[in-house]
C-alpha atoms as a PDB file:
ATOM      1  CA  MET A   1     -14.289  -4.589  -1.800  1.00  0.00           C
ATOM      2  CA  ASN A   2     -14.872  -6.151   1.906  1.00  0.00           C
ATOM      3  CA  GLU A   3     -14.620  -4.931   4.460  1.00  0.00           C
ATOM      4  CA  ASP A   4     -11.418  -5.967   5.926  1.00  0.00           C
ATOM      5  CA  ARG A   5      -9.920  -4.736   2.193  1.00  0.00           C
ATOM      6  CA  ARG A   6     -11.450  -1.182   2.465  1.00  0.00           C
ATOM      7  CA  ASP A   7     -10.064  -0.534   5.828  1.00  0.00           C
ATOM      8  CA  ILE A   8      -6.234  -1.869   4.929  1.00  0.00           C
ATOM      9  CA  ALA A   9      -6.486   0.166   2.161  1.00  0.00           C
ATOM     10  CA  ARG A  10      -7.773   3.344   4.027  1.00  0.00           C
ATOM     11  CA  LYS A  11      -4.650   2.690   6.160  1.00  0.00           C
ATOM     12  CA  ILE A  12      -2.409   2.395   2.950  1.00  0.00           C
ATOM     13  CA  LEU A  13      -3.759   5.754   1.407  1.00  0.00           C
ATOM     14  CA  ASP A  14      -3.209   7.457   4.853  1.00  0.00           C
ATOM     15  CA  TYR A  15       0.099   6.592   5.592  1.00  0.00           C
ATOM     16  CA  LEU A  16       1.055   7.780   2.211  1.00  0.00           C
ATOM     17  CA  ARG A  17      -0.649   9.929   2.125  1.00  0.00           C
ATOM     18  CA  LYS A  18       0.920  11.711   5.985  1.00  0.00           C
ATOM     19  CA  ASN A  19       4.273  10.384   3.978  1.00  0.00           C
ATOM     20  CA  PRO A  20       4.731  11.364   1.091  1.00  0.00           C
ATOM     21  CA  ASP A  21       8.002  10.228   0.216  1.00  0.00           C
ATOM     22  CA  ALA A  22       7.219   6.641   1.090  1.00  0.00           C
ATOM     23  CA  GLY A  23       7.796   3.476  -0.355  1.00  0.00           C
ATOM     24  CA  ASP A  24       8.114   0.118  -0.004  1.00  0.00           C
ATOM     25  CA  THR A  25       7.308  -3.501  -0.793  1.00  0.00           C
ATOM     26  CA  LEU A  26       4.476  -5.513  -0.812  1.00  0.00           C
ATOM     27  CA  GLU A  27       6.103  -7.609   2.571  1.00  0.00           C
ATOM     28  CA  GLY A  28       7.359  -4.221   4.191  1.00  0.00           C
ATOM     29  CA  ILE A  29       3.641  -2.243   3.714  1.00  0.00           C
ATOM     30  CA  SER A  30       2.810  -5.183   5.632  1.00  0.00           C
ATOM     31  CA  ARG A  31       5.104  -6.006   8.476  1.00  0.00           C
ATOM     32  CA  TRP A  32       6.300  -1.684   9.104  1.00  0.00           C
ATOM     33  CA  TRP A  33       2.675   0.630   8.010  1.00  0.00           C
ATOM     34  CA  VAL A  34       0.038  -2.041   8.518  1.00  0.00           C
ATOM     35  CA  GLN A  35       1.411  -3.669  11.527  1.00  0.00           C
ATOM     36  CA  ASN A  36       2.058  -0.573  13.492  1.00  0.00           C
ATOM     37  CA  GLU A  37      -0.944   0.300  13.114  1.00  0.00           C
ATOM     38  CA  CYS A  38      -2.313  -2.546  15.493  1.00  0.00           C
ATOM     39  CA  VAL A  39      -3.585  -4.186  13.045  1.00  0.00           C
ATOM     40  CA  GLU A  40      -2.724  -8.115  11.978  1.00  0.00           C
ATOM     41  CA  GLN A  41      -3.750  -8.612   8.245  1.00  0.00           C
ATOM     42  CA  SER A  42      -2.513 -11.286   6.222  1.00  0.00           C
ATOM     43  CA  VAL A  43      -0.322  -9.828   3.039  1.00  0.00           C
ATOM     44  CA  ASP A  44      -2.676 -11.269   0.665  1.00  0.00           C
ATOM     45  CA  THR A  45      -5.536  -8.582   1.932  1.00  0.00           C
ATOM     46  CA  VAL A  46      -2.828  -6.435   1.710  1.00  0.00           C
ATOM     47  CA  ALA A  47      -1.808  -6.904  -1.445  1.00  0.00           C
ATOM     48  CA  GLY A  48      -5.934  -6.837  -2.738  1.00  0.00           C
ATOM     49  CA  ALA A  49      -6.231  -3.855  -0.740  1.00  0.00           C
ATOM     50  CA  LEU A  50      -2.996  -2.373  -2.450  1.00  0.00           C
ATOM     51  CA  GLU A  51      -4.317  -3.822  -5.904  1.00  0.00           C
ATOM     52  CA  THR A  52      -7.203  -1.867  -5.264  1.00  0.00           C
ATOM     53  CA  LEU A  53      -5.784   1.730  -4.512  1.00  0.00           C
ATOM     54  CA  ILE A  54      -3.714   0.975  -7.769  1.00  0.00           C
ATOM     55  CA  MET A  55      -6.722   0.595 -10.315  1.00  0.00           C
ATOM     56  CA  ARG A  56      -7.998   3.772  -8.632  1.00  0.00           C
ATOM     57  CA  GLY A  57      -4.845   5.831  -9.177  1.00  0.00           C
ATOM     58  CA  LEU A  58      -4.634   6.700  -6.032  1.00  0.00           C
ATOM     59  CA  VAL A  59      -1.410   4.156  -5.381  1.00  0.00           C
ATOM     60  CA  ARG A  60       1.243   3.206  -8.078  1.00  0.00           C
ATOM     61  CA  LYS A  61       3.697   0.502  -7.803  1.00  0.00           C
ATOM     62  CA  GLU A  62       6.987   0.270  -8.814  1.00  0.00           C
ATOM     63  CA  ASP A  63       9.128  -2.488 -10.432  1.00  0.00           C
ATOM     64  CA  ILE A  64      12.879  -2.598  -9.240  1.00  0.00           C
ATOM     65  CA  LYS A  65      15.332  -4.442 -11.422  1.00  0.00           C
ATOM     66  CA  GLY A  66      15.910  -7.710  -9.727  1.00  0.00           C
ATOM     67  CA  GLY A  67      14.096  -6.284  -6.425  1.00  0.00           C
ATOM     68  CA  SER A  68      10.065  -6.270  -5.355  1.00  0.00           C
ATOM     69  CA  PRO A  69       7.951  -3.977  -7.101  1.00  0.00           C
ATOM     70  CA  LEU A  70       7.652  -0.758  -4.117  1.00  0.00           C
ATOM     71  CA  PHE A  71       3.767   0.832  -3.836  1.00  0.00           C
ATOM     72  CA  LYS A  72       3.982   4.779  -4.124  1.00  0.00           C
ATOM     73  CA  ILE A  73       1.361   7.070  -3.707  1.00  0.00           C
ATOM     74  CA  CYS A  74       0.189   9.043  -6.750  1.00  0.00           C
ATOM     75  CA  ARG A  75       0.888  12.485  -7.268  1.00  0.00           C
ATOM     76  CA  LYS A  76      -0.408  14.689  -9.946  1.00  0.00           C
ATOM     77  CA  SER A  77       2.935  14.567 -11.771  1.00  0.00           C
ATOM     78  CA  ASP A  78       3.443  11.081 -12.192  1.00  0.00           C
END
């Protein structure tokens, strides 16, 4: 994993740990969670970071019928 992706993955996970009920789309995460952390990254980098977090079992992707999927923190009960 490259350094940008690792940094973004850490920021996403930190945000979700502070806000365990949060969930958002790829675009929302890119715009509001990551950009608000004063990091200007492309949606592709955020997508890669989310993919890494999903593969590690830290974040889950929730498909929404007729809409963009949401990404949320994995809880032990998931």
